[in-house]
Protein backbone atom coordinates (compact mmCIF):
# COMPACT_ATOMS: atom_id res chain seq x y z
CA MET A 1 9.99 -50.02 0.28
CA ALA A 2 11.51 -47.24 -1.83
CA LEU A 3 10.14 -46.70 -5.33
CA ARG A 4 13.55 -47.51 -6.86
CA THR A 5 13.55 -50.84 -5.05
CA ARG A 6 10.02 -51.63 -6.22
CA ILE A 7 10.85 -50.84 -9.83
CA SER A 8 13.99 -53.01 -9.64
CA TYR A 9 11.94 -55.85 -8.19
CA LEU A 10 9.33 -55.46 -10.92
CA TYR A 11 12.04 -55.56 -13.62
CA ALA A 12 13.53 -58.76 -12.16
CA PHE A 13 10.04 -60.27 -11.84
CA CYS A 14 9.26 -59.46 -15.47
CA LEU A 15 12.51 -61.06 -16.63
CA LEU A 16 11.66 -64.26 -14.77
CA THR A 17 8.06 -64.43 -15.98
CA ALA A 18 6.85 -62.32 -18.92
CA TYR A 19 10.21 -62.23 -20.71
CA ALA A 20 11.06 -65.87 -20.05
CA LEU A 21 7.67 -67.04 -21.35
CA PHE A 22 7.27 -64.52 -24.16
CA LEU A 23 6.56 -66.13 -27.55
CA PRO A 24 6.68 -63.72 -30.50
CA LEU A 25 4.31 -63.79 -33.44
CA GLY A 26 5.85 -65.96 -36.13
CA GLY A 27 6.97 -68.66 -33.70
CA TYR A 28 10.52 -69.96 -33.70
CA GLU A 29 11.32 -68.29 -37.01
CA ARG A 30 11.01 -64.90 -35.23
CA MET A 31 12.21 -65.94 -31.77
CA MET A 32 15.56 -64.13 -31.74
CA GLU A 33 14.22 -60.81 -33.03
CA GLY A 34 11.11 -61.02 -30.86
CA LYS A 35 13.07 -61.72 -27.68
CA TYR A 36 15.60 -59.00 -28.53
CA HIS A 37 12.89 -56.38 -28.95
CA ALA A 38 11.29 -57.46 -25.68
CA PHE A 39 14.69 -57.24 -23.97
CA LEU A 40 15.22 -53.73 -25.32
CA LEU A 41 11.75 -52.60 -24.26
CA LEU A 42 12.06 -53.93 -20.73
CA SER A 43 15.65 -52.89 -20.10
CA LEU A 44 15.50 -49.44 -21.65
CA ALA A 45 12.30 -48.70 -19.71
CA TYR A 46 13.97 -49.84 -16.49
CA VAL A 47 17.14 -47.80 -17.01
CA LEU A 48 15.15 -44.72 -18.02
CA ALA A 49 12.83 -44.96 -15.02
CA MET A 50 15.73 -45.41 -12.60
CA THR A 51 17.62 -42.53 -14.19
CA VAL A 52 14.63 -40.21 -13.73
CA LEU A 53 14.50 -41.26 -10.07
CA GLY A 54 18.21 -40.45 -9.58
CA ALA A 55 19.12 -44.06 -8.81
CA TRP A 56 22.63 -43.73 -10.23
CA ARG A 57 23.69 -41.60 -7.27
CA GLU A 58 23.40 -44.60 -4.95
CA VAL A 59 25.48 -47.00 -7.01
CA ARG A 60 28.56 -48.11 -5.05
CA TRP A 61 31.19 -47.34 -7.68
CA ARG A 62 34.10 -48.72 -5.65
CA GLU A 63 32.57 -52.15 -5.13
CA PRO A 64 34.93 -54.71 -6.76
CA MET A 65 32.15 -56.34 -8.81
CA THR A 66 31.07 -52.90 -10.03
CA LEU A 67 34.63 -52.07 -11.07
CA ALA A 68 34.97 -55.38 -12.94
CA ALA A 69 31.68 -54.78 -14.78
CA LEU A 70 32.71 -51.24 -15.71
CA ALA A 71 36.09 -52.49 -16.93
CA TYR A 72 34.33 -55.09 -19.08
CA LEU A 73 32.06 -52.43 -20.58
CA ALA A 74 34.91 -49.97 -21.16
CA LEU A 75 37.08 -52.57 -22.88
CA THR A 76 34.12 -53.72 -24.99
CA ALA A 77 33.50 -50.11 -26.03
CA LEU A 78 37.18 -49.64 -26.86
CA SER A 79 37.11 -52.82 -28.94
CA ALA A 80 34.03 -51.52 -30.77
CA ALA A 81 35.62 -48.10 -31.39
CA LEU A 82 38.71 -49.69 -32.95
CA SER A 83 36.83 -52.38 -34.85
CA PRO A 84 37.28 -52.45 -38.64
CA TYR A 85 33.61 -53.36 -39.03
CA GLY A 86 32.14 -49.93 -38.29
CA ALA A 87 28.50 -49.64 -37.23
CA ALA A 88 28.05 -53.43 -37.24
CA VAL A 89 29.36 -53.47 -33.66
CA LEU A 90 26.36 -51.50 -32.37
CA LEU A 91 23.72 -54.21 -32.81
CA GLY A 92 25.92 -57.22 -33.61
CA GLY A 93 24.94 -60.09 -35.86
CA THR A 94 21.79 -62.16 -36.02
CA ARG A 95 21.99 -62.80 -32.26
CA ARG A 96 22.08 -59.06 -31.53
CA ASP A 97 25.11 -59.30 -29.23
CA GLY A 98 26.53 -55.87 -30.05
CA LEU A 99 27.61 -52.91 -27.96
CA LEU A 100 24.04 -51.78 -27.21
CA THR A 101 23.22 -55.14 -25.66
CA VAL A 102 26.40 -55.24 -23.55
CA THR A 103 25.78 -51.66 -22.37
CA LEU A 104 22.28 -52.57 -21.23
CA TYR A 105 23.57 -55.68 -19.43
CA VAL A 106 26.03 -53.63 -17.43
CA ALA A 107 23.67 -50.69 -16.81
CA CYS A 108 20.95 -52.99 -15.48
CA PHE A 109 23.51 -54.88 -13.40
CA LEU A 110 24.75 -51.68 -11.77
CA LEU A 111 21.23 -50.54 -10.88
CA LEU A 112 20.03 -53.94 -9.73
CA SER A 113 23.15 -54.55 -7.66
CA ARG A 114 22.22 -51.59 -5.50
CA HIS A 115 18.43 -51.57 -5.53
CA LEU A 116 17.22 -55.16 -5.99
CA ARG A 117 16.22 -57.06 -2.85
CA PRO A 118 15.75 -60.71 -3.90
CA ASP A 119 13.29 -62.84 -1.96
CA ARG A 120 11.45 -66.16 -2.24
CA ARG A 121 8.77 -64.74 -4.54
CA LEU A 122 11.32 -64.31 -7.32
CA LEU A 123 12.36 -67.94 -6.94
CA TYR A 124 8.71 -69.05 -7.06
CA ALA A 125 8.19 -66.94 -10.17
CA ALA A 126 11.17 -68.64 -11.85
CA ALA A 127 9.86 -72.06 -10.76
CA ILE A 128 6.41 -71.41 -12.27
CA SER A 129 7.96 -70.17 -15.51
CA ALA A 130 10.18 -73.24 -15.68
CA ALA A 131 7.21 -75.55 -15.08
CA LEU A 132 5.16 -73.92 -17.85
CA CYS A 133 8.13 -74.19 -20.22
CA ASP A 134 8.54 -77.85 -19.19
CA LEU A 135 4.95 -78.63 -20.09
CA LEU A 136 5.32 -76.99 -23.48
CA VAL A 137 8.52 -78.95 -24.20
CA LEU A 138 7.02 -82.28 -23.13
CA VAL A 139 4.03 -81.73 -25.42
CA GLN A 140 6.38 -80.82 -28.29
CA LEU A 141 8.35 -84.01 -27.70
CA THR A 142 5.20 -85.98 -28.56
CA GLY A 143 5.38 -84.57 -32.09
CA ARG A 144 2.64 -81.99 -31.64
CA ASN A 145 2.88 -78.31 -32.63
CA PRO A 146 1.13 -76.40 -29.82
CA LEU A 147 0.76 -72.64 -30.25
CA TRP A 148 1.92 -73.10 -33.88
CA LEU A 149 5.54 -72.36 -33.01
CA TYR A 150 6.90 -74.55 -35.81
CA PRO A 151 6.20 -73.81 -39.47
CA ALA A 152 3.02 -75.43 -40.77
CA GLY A 153 3.31 -79.19 -41.12
CA LEU A 154 6.54 -79.45 -39.09
CA ASN A 155 7.37 -80.40 -35.51
CA TYR A 156 10.30 -80.90 -33.14
CA PHE A 157 11.53 -84.05 -34.89
CA ASP A 158 12.02 -82.24 -38.19
CA GLY A 159 15.07 -80.54 -36.69
CA ASP A 160 18.28 -80.75 -38.75
CA ALA A 161 16.19 -82.03 -41.64
CA ALA A 162 13.53 -79.53 -42.66
CA TYR A 163 15.31 -76.76 -40.74
CA SER A 164 18.65 -76.20 -39.01
CA GLY A 165 18.90 -77.10 -35.32
CA PHE A 166 16.28 -78.27 -32.83
CA TYR A 167 13.74 -75.98 -31.20
CA ALA A 168 11.52 -76.40 -28.15
CA GLY A 169 10.21 -74.44 -25.20
CA THR A 170 9.98 -70.71 -24.71
CA ALA A 171 13.59 -69.87 -25.59
CA GLY A 172 13.66 -71.38 -29.09
CA ASN A 173 16.87 -73.32 -29.65
CA ILE A 174 16.98 -76.28 -27.29
CA GLY A 175 20.43 -75.17 -26.11
CA PHE A 176 18.95 -71.90 -24.83
CA THR A 177 15.92 -73.61 -23.31
CA ALA A 178 18.04 -76.25 -21.58
CA LEU A 179 20.41 -73.62 -20.17
CA LEU A 180 17.57 -71.64 -18.60
CA LEU A 181 15.92 -74.77 -17.23
CA ALA A 182 19.24 -75.90 -15.76
CA LEU A 183 19.66 -72.55 -13.98
CA CYS A 184 16.17 -72.86 -12.51
CA ALA A 185 16.81 -76.45 -11.45
CA ALA A 186 20.06 -75.49 -9.72
CA ALA A 187 18.37 -72.61 -7.88
CA MET A 188 15.35 -74.69 -6.82
CA ALA A 189 17.51 -77.59 -5.63
CA ALA A 190 19.74 -75.24 -3.64
CA ALA A 191 16.71 -73.61 -2.01
CA LEU A 192 15.25 -77.01 -1.08
CA VAL A 193 18.49 -78.21 0.47
CA ARG A 194 18.65 -74.99 2.48
CA GLY A 195 15.22 -75.68 3.93
CA GLY A 196 13.04 -73.99 1.35
CA SER A 197 9.39 -74.74 0.73
CA LYS A 198 8.54 -78.24 -0.45
CA ARG A 199 6.29 -76.61 -3.05
CA LEU A 200 9.46 -76.40 -5.16
CA LEU A 201 9.68 -80.21 -5.37
CA ALA A 202 7.12 -80.58 -8.17
CA PRO A 203 8.59 -77.96 -10.54
CA LEU A 204 12.10 -79.21 -9.78
CA ALA A 205 11.21 -82.82 -10.63
CA LEU A 206 9.40 -81.71 -13.79
CA THR A 207 12.35 -79.56 -14.88
CA VAL A 208 14.93 -82.31 -14.31
CA TRP A 209 12.77 -84.78 -16.26
CA THR A 210 12.41 -82.29 -19.12
CA LEU A 211 16.16 -81.74 -19.23
CA TRP A 212 16.71 -85.47 -19.36
CA ARG A 213 14.26 -85.77 -22.26
CA LEU A 214 15.95 -82.94 -24.17
CA ARG A 215 19.38 -84.58 -23.74
CA VAL A 216 21.35 -81.33 -24.11
CA ALA A 217 24.76 -82.47 -22.87
CA ALA A 218 25.98 -78.99 -21.86
CA ALA A 219 23.04 -78.43 -19.50
CA LEU A 220 23.29 -81.91 -17.98
CA LEU A 221 27.02 -81.46 -17.45
CA GLY A 222 26.39 -78.05 -15.88
CA LEU A 223 23.93 -79.57 -13.42
CA ALA A 224 26.24 -82.48 -12.61
CA VAL A 225 29.20 -80.19 -11.88
CA THR A 226 26.97 -77.87 -9.85
CA ALA A 227 25.64 -80.77 -7.78
CA VAL A 228 29.20 -81.59 -6.70
CA TRP A 229 30.87 -78.18 -6.49
CA SER A 230 27.98 -76.45 -4.74
CA LEU A 231 28.24 -78.68 -1.67
CA PRO A 232 30.30 -76.07 0.27
CA LEU A 233 27.62 -73.52 -0.68
CA LEU A 234 24.77 -75.64 0.60
CA PHE A 235 26.43 -76.82 3.82
CA PRO A 236 28.60 -73.85 4.89
CA ARG A 237 28.84 -74.98 8.52
CA ARG A 238 30.71 -78.09 7.34
CA LYS A 239 32.72 -76.28 4.71
CA ARG A 240 36.00 -78.17 5.15
CA ALA A 241 34.28 -81.55 5.03
CA MET A 242 32.25 -80.47 2.00
CA TRP A 243 35.34 -79.31 0.10
CA LEU A 244 37.00 -82.65 0.82
CA LEU A 245 33.88 -84.51 -0.35
CA THR A 246 33.77 -82.33 -3.48
CA LEU A 247 37.34 -83.22 -4.37
CA LEU A 248 36.72 -86.93 -3.72
CA LEU A 249 33.58 -86.96 -5.88
CA SER A 250 35.40 -85.08 -8.65
CA ALA A 251 38.24 -87.60 -8.56
CA ALA A 252 35.73 -90.46 -8.65
CA ALA A 253 33.99 -88.93 -11.67
CA LEU A 254 37.30 -88.61 -13.52
CA ALA A 255 38.20 -92.20 -12.66
CA PHE A 256 34.81 -93.34 -13.97
CA LEU A 257 35.29 -91.49 -17.24
CA TRP A 258 38.80 -92.89 -17.56
CA LEU A 259 37.63 -96.48 -17.15
CA TYR A 260 34.17 -96.40 -18.75
CA PRO A 261 34.37 -96.45 -22.57
CA GLY A 262 30.71 -95.53 -23.00
CA ASP A 263 28.43 -96.54 -25.85
CA GLY A 264 28.69 -93.42 -27.95
CA GLY A 265 27.60 -89.91 -27.06
CA THR A 266 29.09 -87.45 -24.59
CA LEU A 267 30.48 -89.93 -22.05
CA SER A 268 32.29 -91.83 -24.77
CA GLU A 269 33.75 -88.60 -26.16
CA LEU A 270 34.98 -87.53 -22.72
CA HIS A 271 36.53 -90.98 -22.20
CA ARG A 272 38.38 -90.74 -25.50
CA LEU A 273 39.56 -87.17 -24.76
CA LEU A 274 41.02 -88.31 -21.44
CA HIS A 275 42.93 -90.98 -23.35
CA GLY A 276 44.29 -88.44 -25.82
CA GLU A 277 41.99 -89.32 -28.70
CA VAL A 278 40.86 -86.04 -30.22
CA ASP A 279 38.19 -86.00 -32.90
CA LEU A 280 37.14 -82.55 -34.10
CA THR A 281 33.56 -83.74 -34.49
CA PHE A 282 33.23 -84.19 -30.71
CA GLY A 283 30.58 -82.07 -29.04
CA SER A 284 28.57 -81.57 -32.26
CA SER A 285 31.76 -80.39 -33.96
CA ARG A 286 32.49 -77.76 -31.32
CA LEU A 287 36.18 -78.67 -31.31
CA LEU A 288 36.22 -77.97 -35.04
CA ILE A 289 34.57 -74.59 -34.51
CA TRP A 290 36.92 -73.64 -31.69
CA ARG A 291 39.99 -74.57 -33.74
CA SER A 292 38.73 -72.52 -36.69
CA LEU A 293 38.51 -69.44 -34.45
CA LEU A 294 42.09 -69.55 -33.17
CA PRO A 295 43.49 -67.66 -36.21
CA LEU A 296 41.04 -64.85 -35.47
CA VAL A 297 42.33 -64.60 -31.91
CA ALA A 298 45.89 -64.33 -33.24
CA GLN A 299 44.88 -61.51 -35.61
CA ARG A 300 43.50 -59.22 -32.88
CA PRO A 301 44.38 -60.77 -29.50
CA LEU A 302 43.91 -57.83 -27.12
CA LEU A 303 40.77 -56.09 -28.38
CA GLY A 304 39.18 -58.58 -30.79
CA GLY A 305 37.24 -57.72 -33.91
CA GLY A 306 34.42 -55.86 -32.15
CA CYS A 307 31.44 -57.27 -30.29
CA GLY A 308 29.00 -59.20 -32.41
CA THR A 309 31.17 -59.24 -35.55
CA LEU A 310 32.18 -62.91 -35.76
CA TYR A 311 29.75 -63.44 -38.63
CA LEU A 312 31.74 -60.93 -40.71
CA ARG A 313 35.14 -62.55 -40.28
CA ASN A 314 35.00 -65.25 -42.97
CA VAL A 315 35.24 -68.28 -40.73
CA PRO A 316 35.15 -71.55 -42.71
CA PRO A 317 31.81 -73.37 -42.31
CA PHE A 318 31.64 -76.29 -39.92
CA TYR A 319 29.81 -79.55 -40.47
CA TRP A 320 27.78 -82.10 -38.61
CA PRO A 321 28.27 -85.69 -39.76
CA ARG A 322 25.08 -87.32 -41.00
CA GLU A 323 24.32 -90.68 -42.56
CA GLY A 324 25.53 -90.61 -46.12
CA GLY A 325 27.49 -87.34 -45.80
CA ALA A 326 27.72 -84.13 -43.81
CA VAL A 327 25.60 -81.00 -43.31
CA TYR A 328 27.51 -77.71 -43.47
CA PHE A 329 26.64 -74.56 -41.49
CA ALA A 330 28.08 -71.06 -41.34
CA VAL A 331 29.95 -70.16 -38.14
CA THR A 332 28.18 -67.18 -36.56
CA SER A 333 28.95 -68.02 -32.93
CA ALA A 334 31.85 -69.50 -30.98
CA HIS A 335 29.51 -71.94 -29.16
CA ASN A 336 31.51 -70.99 -26.07
CA GLU A 337 30.79 -67.67 -24.38
CA TYR A 338 34.36 -67.24 -23.13
CA LEU A 339 35.90 -67.91 -26.53
CA GLY A 340 33.26 -65.66 -28.08
CA ILE A 341 34.35 -62.76 -25.89
CA LEU A 342 38.00 -63.46 -26.68
CA VAL A 343 37.33 -63.38 -30.43
CA ASP A 344 34.94 -60.42 -30.45
CA GLN A 345 36.14 -58.23 -27.58
CA GLY A 346 39.65 -59.44 -26.92
CA ALA A 347 41.73 -60.85 -24.08
CA LEU A 348 41.41 -57.73 -21.94
CA ALA A 349 37.62 -57.80 -21.95
CA LEU A 350 37.68 -61.55 -21.29
CA ALA A 351 39.94 -60.97 -18.27
CA ALA A 352 37.46 -58.43 -16.88
CA PHE A 353 34.53 -60.79 -17.53
CA LEU A 354 36.29 -63.70 -15.80
CA ALA A 355 37.18 -61.42 -12.88
CA LEU A 356 33.51 -60.50 -12.52
CA LEU A 357 32.48 -64.16 -12.55
CA ALA A 358 35.20 -65.05 -10.04
CA LEU A 359 34.15 -62.21 -7.73
CA GLY A 360 30.52 -63.32 -7.91
CA LEU A 361 31.35 -66.94 -7.12
CA SER A 362 33.77 -65.89 -4.39
CA ARG A 363 31.04 -63.75 -2.84
CA ALA A 364 28.66 -66.71 -2.95
CA TYR A 365 31.09 -69.11 -1.26
CA ARG A 366 32.20 -66.58 1.36
CA SER A 367 28.61 -65.64 2.25
CA ALA A 368 27.03 -69.07 1.82
CA GLU A 369 25.35 -68.80 5.24
CA ARG A 370 22.87 -66.47 3.58
CA ASP A 371 20.26 -68.32 1.58
CA ARG A 372 20.24 -65.70 -1.16
CA CYS A 373 23.94 -66.16 -1.83
CA ALA A 374 23.72 -69.97 -1.77
CA VAL A 375 20.83 -70.08 -4.23
CA ALA A 376 22.24 -67.45 -6.60
CA GLY A 377 25.71 -68.97 -6.30
CA ALA A 378 24.49 -72.44 -7.32
CA ALA A 379 22.71 -71.02 -10.37
CA LEU A 380 25.75 -68.89 -11.26
CA LEU A 381 28.04 -71.93 -11.05
CA CYS A 382 25.68 -73.84 -13.34
CA TYR A 383 25.74 -70.97 -15.84
CA ALA A 384 29.55 -70.71 -15.73
CA VAL A 385 29.91 -74.40 -16.64
CA THR A 386 27.09 -74.67 -19.18
CA THR A 387 28.03 -71.54 -21.10
CA PHE A 388 31.42 -73.09 -21.91
CA PHE A 389 29.50 -75.03 -24.55
CA SER A 390 26.71 -72.56 -25.28
CA VAL A 391 25.83 -69.60 -27.45
CA ALA A 392 25.53 -66.24 -25.67
CA THR A 393 22.39 -64.25 -26.51
CA CYS A 394 20.08 -61.85 -24.71
CA ILE A 395 17.66 -64.79 -24.31
CA THR A 396 20.03 -66.33 -21.76
CA SER A 397 22.79 -63.89 -20.80
CA VAL A 398 20.48 -61.36 -19.16
CA TYR A 399 19.98 -63.89 -16.35
CA LEU A 400 23.72 -64.06 -15.74
CA TRP A 401 23.71 -60.34 -14.96
CA LEU A 402 20.64 -60.74 -12.75
CA LEU A 403 22.43 -63.46 -10.76
CA LEU A 404 25.57 -61.35 -10.45
CA ALA A 405 23.53 -58.38 -9.22
CA SER A 406 21.93 -60.61 -6.58
CA LEU A 407 25.39 -61.42 -5.20
CA VAL A 408 26.64 -57.86 -4.78
CA PRO A 409 26.70 -57.01 -1.04
CA LYS A 410 23.63 -55.06 0.12
CA ARG A 411 25.09 -53.17 3.06
CA GLY A 412 22.70 -51.81 5.58
CA LYS A 413 19.80 -53.82 4.17
CA ARG A 414 18.14 -56.73 5.91
CA GLU A 415 18.57 -60.07 4.15
CA ARG A 416 15.35 -61.90 3.33
CA LYS A 417 15.03 -65.67 3.23
CA VAL A 418 14.95 -67.24 -0.21
CA GLY A 419 13.13 -70.51 -0.82
């Protein structure tokens, strides 16, 4: 195995283990900064090492996914150069989603797409990390404060009272933790269906149970959609029958939501939306946030305000209804990765990003006979759905680029079984 391949494998392994489980000093109060510094350290070291080894010469620059990623980076850089917010675009806001972060995403993607050779050990590493995160979450849901991640005297159930939001696991915000666990669950389930080791059953069951206990609707919806729409991925020899079954199951789900009024919560909100009842507090007030961002899109539709600058654009605060009143919060994220790109980087960058996602999913469906593509494709589909309701940060988005790199064709290289 070439040294460049080994280093790429080590970088991917570190992302799935050390980075995923890393808990900074200061607990959840320092989670974003701690994870960002770890991301910089790992990714800059990887890019530097690969540059010294001349790895850029082997990148397939005419590969469609490569061209889409380069277009996304170029348009993001153009948006940053023309942004009225100056140097703020380099690092971005509190979530550190600026130009430096996007550049590292794309640079690592380009190198990994050529030199990474995914195999079952990476999936096992992700499964072990997910299981350890599950155990931490389940302990936290008992009201304990293991590893002193919460401020002294507080625990998980003090969320939205003593502090803003809810935090659990190794990613901090439960939205981030649930997204990562959902990706792992989708990948493990796909590997099992494709004949992978039964050793994945225990971490898969534990992860699904943890997600159910967390009750993050976006992650549960992502898994549900993936379970249906990944059928042609998992059974490629019966692709026509699986597509028909997918459409029938989707129609049945819509009919259920149309008829079932629910008892509050996400299902009830979806039922009311299908019947034309729109309440801006749906989805933890996400509809209210999305509507408040539309004027910003109209101001700079093509190139946006510059990556990571939403917090500077004077968006009215949103609120969460609570008993006896409402709690107001500043809008620093679109709570939708696609809308976030549209606002910050513009419609052109969003088109390039969507093209990259479409190419990755297309590659997965067209090459579903290969276990690697089926497993990565299922996880990518889960990400694409879940991130419609999620916040994009380096804690989660780096795994999108790892999945995309896994789907780029590796010509002339032997495929290894995953799972």
